[in-house]
C-alpha atoms as a PDB file:
ATOM      1  CA  MET A   1      -7.945  39.493  49.010  1.00  0.00           C
ATOM      2  CA  ARG A   2      -6.127  40.344  45.765  1.00  0.00           C
ATOM      3  CA  ARG A   3      -3.561  37.243  46.755  1.00  0.00           C
ATOM      4  CA  ILE A   4      -6.420  35.130  47.074  1.00  0.00           C
ATOM      5  CA  ALA A   5      -8.099  36.205  43.465  1.00  0.00           C
ATOM      6  CA  LEU A   6      -4.673  35.668  41.932  1.00  0.00           C
ATOM      7  CA  VAL A   7      -3.991  32.596  43.352  1.00  0.00           C
ATOM      8  CA  ALA A   8      -7.790  31.613  42.397  1.00  0.00           C
ATOM      9  CA  MET A   9      -7.166  32.122  38.623  1.00  0.00           C
ATOM     10  CA  ALA A  10      -3.290  30.268  38.585  1.00  0.00           C
ATOM     11  CA  THR A  11      -5.588  27.363  40.060  1.00  0.00           C
ATOM     12  CA  PHE A  12      -8.466  27.573  37.565  1.00  0.00           C
ATOM     13  CA  MET A  13      -5.799  28.520  34.477  1.00  0.00           C
ATOM     14  CA  THR A  14      -3.773  25.176  35.423  1.00  0.00           C
ATOM     15  CA  LEU A  15      -6.955  22.842  35.729  1.00  0.00           C
ATOM     16  CA  ALA A  16      -7.882  24.537  32.510  1.00  0.00           C
ATOM     17  CA  LEU A  17      -4.753  23.298  30.523  1.00  0.00           C
ATOM     18  CA  GLY A  18      -4.640  20.476  32.122  1.00  0.00           C
ATOM     19  CA  SER A  19      -8.252  18.979  31.209  1.00  0.00           C
ATOM     20  CA  SER A  20      -7.276  20.410  27.392  1.00  0.00           C
ATOM     21  CA  ALA A  21      -4.230  18.498  27.540  1.00  0.00           C
ATOM     22  CA  ALA A  22      -6.220  15.010  28.982  1.00  0.00           C
ATOM     23  CA  LEU A  23      -8.333  16.295  25.831  1.00  0.00           C
ATOM     24  CA  ALA A  24      -4.987  16.113  23.399  1.00  0.00           C
ATOM     25  CA  ALA A  25      -4.436  12.684  25.162  1.00  0.00           C
ATOM     26  CA  ASN A  26      -7.488  10.610  23.622  1.00  0.00           C
ATOM     27  CA  VAL A  27      -6.002  10.599  20.319  1.00  0.00           C
ATOM     28  CA  HIS A  28      -8.160   7.161  18.242  1.00  0.00           C
ATOM     29  CA  PHE A  29      -8.663   6.822  14.874  1.00  0.00           C
ATOM     30  CA  LYS A  30     -12.033   7.630  13.283  1.00  0.00           C
ATOM     31  CA  HIS A  31     -14.799   4.829  12.398  1.00  0.00           C
ATOM     32  CA  GLY A  32     -13.514   3.311   9.564  1.00  0.00           C
ATOM     33  CA  SER A  33      -9.943   3.438  10.002  1.00  0.00           C
ATOM     34  CA  PRO A  34      -7.100   3.371   9.267  1.00  0.00           C
ATOM     35  CA  VAL A  35      -7.450   1.655   5.376  1.00  0.00           C
ATOM     36  CA  PHE A  36      -4.685   0.053   4.128  1.00  0.00           C
ATOM     37  CA  THR A  37      -3.267  -0.434   0.669  1.00  0.00           C
ATOM     38  CA  ASP A  38      -1.572  -2.827  -1.049  1.00  0.00           C
ATOM     39  CA  ASN A  39       0.944  -1.268  -3.900  1.00  0.00           C
ATOM     40  CA  GLY A  40       2.831  -4.512  -4.305  1.00  0.00           C
ATOM     41  CA  VAL A  41       5.816  -3.523  -3.075  1.00  0.00           C
ATOM     42  CA  THR A  42       4.831  -0.687  -0.241  1.00  0.00           C
ATOM     43  CA  LEU A  43       1.933  -0.039   1.508  1.00  0.00           C
ATOM     44  CA  THR A  44      -0.446   2.953   2.255  1.00  0.00           C
ATOM     45  CA  ALA A  45      -2.155   3.624   5.103  1.00  0.00           C
ATOM     46  CA  SER A  46      -4.634   6.501   5.544  1.00  0.00           C
ATOM     47  CA  GLY A  47      -7.877   7.604   7.949  1.00  0.00           C
ATOM     48  CA  SER A  48      -8.664   9.954   9.969  1.00  0.00           C
ATOM     49  CA  LEU A  49      -7.411  10.520  13.558  1.00  0.00           C
ATOM     50  CA  ALA A  50      -9.383  12.306  16.416  1.00  0.00           C
ATOM     51  CA  GLY A  51      -8.893  13.843  19.611  1.00  0.00           C
ATOM     52  CA  LEU A  52      -5.384  15.414  19.062  1.00  0.00           C
ATOM     53  CA  GLY A  53      -4.531  18.278  20.559  1.00  0.00           C
ATOM     54  CA  ASN A  54      -2.682  21.753  18.289  1.00  0.00           C
ATOM     55  CA  GLY A  55       0.905  21.374  17.528  1.00  0.00           C
ATOM     56  CA  ASP A  56       2.349  19.710  14.011  1.00  0.00           C
ATOM     57  CA  VAL A  57       2.007  15.814  13.928  1.00  0.00           C
ATOM     58  CA  VAL A  58       4.257  13.030  12.465  1.00  0.00           C
ATOM     59  CA  ILE A  59       3.080   9.959  11.259  1.00  0.00           C
ATOM     60  CA  ALA A  60       5.097   6.458  11.430  1.00  0.00           C
ATOM     61  CA  VAL A  61       4.205   3.568   9.347  1.00  0.00           C
ATOM     62  CA  SER A  62       6.222   0.102   9.664  1.00  0.00           C
ATOM     63  CA  ALA A  63       5.155  -2.210   8.275  1.00  0.00           C
ATOM     64  CA  THR A  64       6.365  -6.274   8.050  1.00  0.00           C
ATOM     65  CA  GLY A  65       5.596  -8.694   4.935  1.00  0.00           C
ATOM     66  CA  THR A  66       7.005 -11.175   3.220  1.00  0.00           C
ATOM     67  CA  PRO A  67       8.407 -10.456  -0.162  1.00  0.00           C
ATOM     68  CA  THR A  68       8.202 -12.379  -3.249  1.00  0.00           C
ATOM     69  CA  ALA A  69      11.793 -12.675  -5.812  1.00  0.00           C
ATOM     70  CA  THR A  70      12.295 -13.441  -8.882  1.00  0.00           C
ATOM     71  CA  CYS A  71      15.980 -14.564 -10.125  1.00  0.00           C
ATOM     72  CA  THR A  72      17.079 -13.861 -13.259  1.00  0.00           C
ATOM     73  CA  ASN A  73      20.257 -15.288 -14.739  1.00  0.00           C
ATOM     74  CA  PRO A  74      23.152 -13.399 -16.358  1.00  0.00           C
ATOM     75  CA  ALA A  75      21.715 -13.659 -20.249  1.00  0.00           C
ATOM     76  CA  GLY A  76      18.404 -12.362 -18.933  1.00  0.00           C
ATOM     77  CA  ALA A  77      16.562 -15.098 -20.735  1.00  0.00           C
ATOM     78  CA  THR A  78      15.158 -16.910 -17.754  1.00  0.00           C
ATOM     79  CA  GLN A  79      12.961 -15.993 -14.645  1.00  0.00           C
ATOM     80  CA  PRO A  80      12.613 -19.238 -12.748  1.00  0.00           C
ATOM     81  CA  PRO A  81      10.927 -17.828  -9.163  1.00  0.00           C
ATOM     82  CA  GLY A  82      12.884 -17.648  -6.802  1.00  0.00           C
ATOM     83  CA  GLN A  83      13.395 -18.479  -3.161  1.00  0.00           C
ATOM     84  CA  ASN A  84      11.300 -15.833  -1.047  1.00  0.00           C
ATOM     85  CA  PRO A  85      13.774 -13.865   0.516  1.00  0.00           C
ATOM     86  CA  ALA A  86      13.789 -13.426   4.673  1.00  0.00           C
ATOM     87  CA  GLU A  87      10.659 -11.219   5.861  1.00  0.00           C
ATOM     88  CA  VAL A  88      11.002  -7.516   5.840  1.00  0.00           C
ATOM     89  CA  THR A  89       9.994  -4.749   7.346  1.00  0.00           C
ATOM     90  CA  LEU A  90       9.347  -0.930   5.852  1.00  0.00           C
ATOM     91  CA  THR A  91       8.668   2.220   7.171  1.00  0.00           C
ATOM     92  CA  GLY A  92       7.390   5.158   5.710  1.00  0.00           C
ATOM     93  CA  VAL A  93       7.103   8.711   7.991  1.00  0.00           C
ATOM     94  CA  GLY A  94       4.748  11.909   7.294  1.00  0.00           C
ATOM     95  CA  GLY A  95       4.697  15.132   8.992  1.00  0.00           C
ATOM     96  CA  PHE A  96       1.389  17.443   9.166  1.00  0.00           C
ATOM     97  CA  PRO A  97       1.362  21.258  10.349  1.00  0.00           C
ATOM     98  CA  ALA A  98      -0.685  21.933  12.876  1.00  0.00           C
ATOM     99  CA  SER A  99      -3.158  24.040   9.987  1.00  0.00           C
ATOM    100  CA  GLU A 100      -4.370  20.713   9.240  1.00  0.00           C
ATOM    101  CA  VAL A 101      -5.382  19.781  12.672  1.00  0.00           C
ATOM    102  CA  LYS A 102      -8.812  21.004  12.251  1.00  0.00           C
ATOM    103  CA  ASN A 103     -11.135  20.658  15.529  1.00  0.00           C
ATOM    104  CA  GLY A 104      -9.016  17.957  16.833  1.00  0.00           C
ATOM    105  CA  ASN A 105      -9.198  15.656  13.747  1.00  0.00           C
ATOM    106  CA  LEU A 106      -6.717  15.108  11.193  1.00  0.00           C
ATOM    107  CA  PHE A 107      -6.798  13.191   7.950  1.00  0.00           C
ATOM    108  CA  PHE A 108      -3.765  11.342   6.891  1.00  0.00           C
ATOM    109  CA  SER A 109      -1.844   8.793   4.236  1.00  0.00           C
ATOM    110  CA  VAL A 110       1.724   7.658   4.506  1.00  0.00           C
ATOM    111  CA  GLU A 111       3.135   5.409   2.531  1.00  0.00           C
ATOM    112  CA  THR A 112       6.014   2.716   3.503  1.00  0.00           C
ATOM    113  CA  ALA A 113       9.549   2.779   1.038  1.00  0.00           C
ATOM    114  CA  ALA A 114      10.079  -0.001  -1.095  1.00  0.00           C
ATOM    115  CA  PRO A 115      11.929  -3.159  -0.384  1.00  0.00           C
ATOM    116  CA  VAL A 116      16.016  -2.647  -1.632  1.00  0.00           C
ATOM    117  CA  SER A 117      15.821  -4.532  -5.371  1.00  0.00           C
ATOM    118  CA  PRO A 118      17.788  -5.937  -6.551  1.00  0.00           C
ATOM    119  CA  ILE A 119      18.720  -7.391  -3.170  1.00  0.00           C
ATOM    120  CA  PRO A 120      22.923  -7.327  -3.225  1.00  0.00           C
ATOM    121  CA  GLY A 121      24.859 -10.725  -3.963  1.00  0.00           C
ATOM    122  CA  ALA A 122      21.229 -11.955  -4.810  1.00  0.00           C
ATOM    123  CA  PRO A 123      21.259 -14.796  -1.832  1.00  0.00           C
ATOM    124  CA  ASP A 124      18.355 -16.821  -2.998  1.00  0.00           C
ATOM    125  CA  CYS A 125      19.430 -17.160  -6.511  1.00  0.00           C
ATOM    126  CA  PRO A 126      22.045 -19.424  -8.251  1.00  0.00           C
ATOM    127  CA  ASN A 127      24.671 -18.069  -7.822  1.00  0.00           C
ATOM    128  CA  ARG A 128      26.061 -14.382  -7.421  1.00  0.00           C
ATOM    129  CA  GLN A 129      25.701 -13.417 -11.113  1.00  0.00           C
ATOM    130  CA  TRP A 130      22.822 -13.731 -11.081  1.00  0.00           C
ATOM    131  CA  THR A 131      19.687 -10.900  -9.946  1.00  0.00           C
ATOM    132  CA  GLU A 132      17.545 -11.175  -7.268  1.00  0.00           C
ATOM    133  CA  ALA A 133      14.311  -8.958  -7.515  1.00  0.00           C
ATOM    134  CA  ILE A 134      11.606  -8.530  -5.338  1.00  0.00           C
ATOM    135  CA  THR A 135       8.772  -8.497  -7.541  1.00  0.00           C
ATOM    136  CA  ASP A 136       6.074  -8.295  -4.469  1.00  0.00           C
ATOM    137  CA  VAL A 137       5.229  -8.138  -0.503  1.00  0.00           C
ATOM    138  CA  ALA A 138       2.324  -9.792   0.965  1.00  0.00           C
ATOM    139  CA  PHE A 139       1.845  -7.818   3.952  1.00  0.00           C
ATOM    140  CA  THR A 140       1.063  -9.320   7.357  1.00  0.00           C
ATOM    141  CA  SER A 141       0.635  -6.275   9.612  1.00  0.00           C
ATOM    142  CA  ALA A 142       1.501  -2.789  10.167  1.00  0.00           C
ATOM    143  CA  THR A 143       1.849  -0.480  13.035  1.00  0.00           C
ATOM    144  CA  ILE A 144       1.105   3.106  13.227  1.00  0.00           C
ATOM    145  CA  THR A 145       2.529   5.341  15.291  1.00  0.00           C
ATOM    146  CA  VAL A 146       1.398   8.979  16.123  1.00  0.00           C
ATOM    147  CA  TYR A 147       3.578  12.160  17.495  1.00  0.00           C
ATOM    148  CA  GLN A 148       2.416  15.254  18.921  1.00  0.00           C
ATOM    149  CA  PRO A 149       3.674  17.878  19.170  1.00  0.00           C
ATOM    150  CA  CYS A 150       6.341  16.780  16.738  1.00  0.00           C
ATOM    151  CA  THR A 151       8.396  18.359  13.670  1.00  0.00           C
ATOM    152  CA  ASP A 152      10.793  15.251  13.496  1.00  0.00           C
ATOM    153  CA  THR A 153      10.781  12.818  10.399  1.00  0.00           C
ATOM    154  CA  SER A 154      14.236  10.886  10.634  1.00  0.00           C
ATOM    155  CA  PRO A 155      13.909   7.839  12.836  1.00  0.00           C
ATOM    156  CA  PRO A 156      14.421   7.244  15.140  1.00  0.00           C
ATOM    157  CA  ILE A 157      11.771   9.992  16.013  1.00  0.00           C
ATOM    158  CA  ASP A 158      12.524  11.835  19.386  1.00  0.00           C
ATOM    159  CA  CYS A 159       8.949  13.207  20.265  1.00  0.00           C
ATOM    160  CA  THR A 160       5.913  12.072  22.252  1.00  0.00           C
ATOM    161  CA  VAL A 161       3.986   9.258  21.133  1.00  0.00           C
ATOM    162  CA  VAL A 162       0.124   9.870  21.456  1.00  0.00           C
ATOM    163  CA  LEU A 163      -0.777   6.664  19.694  1.00  0.00           C
ATOM    164  CA  SER A 164       0.590   3.217  18.178  1.00  0.00           C
ATOM    165  CA  GLN A 165      -1.514   0.854  17.512  1.00  0.00           C
ATOM    166  CA  THR A 166      -0.577  -2.744  15.431  1.00  0.00           C
ATOM    167  CA  PHE A 167      -3.322  -4.556  13.015  1.00  0.00           C
ATOM    168  CA  THR A 168      -2.837  -7.410  11.560  1.00  0.00           C
ATOM    169  CA  LEU A 169      -3.664  -7.261   7.647  1.00  0.00           C
END
């Protein structure tokens, strides 16, 4: 009888833990999220997530866009528009401790890094003596990837992905 009670309790605990893991697997953006803010040469993604489990969260943002560049001659007097450099992909990563997850909800804000500027070798300017600087990025898409549990904020991130979604901007 005691063995049956222990087996029943073990089964119950397994089901209970399994169902809480299933709830944590339903990570999603709350209504109105995410919001993207174009900061010129960086992009900030912010919003609220629901359905998270207990544990630290890492959020990675990868944004793609077309940069605008300016070429400056060695004298610094002329700044004709440069040819637009190739499309760039910029990334940013934010770590959030488990203590910030409240009832499965988390507010986040993650900003990408800026592109390398000036561009080494000024490939879109008349010659290598000029300076090519990126002045703006027209962002076209962004992907938000949520990892939990995770404390690894150095790409490539080696944690469990609980949500990954791409947005057209």
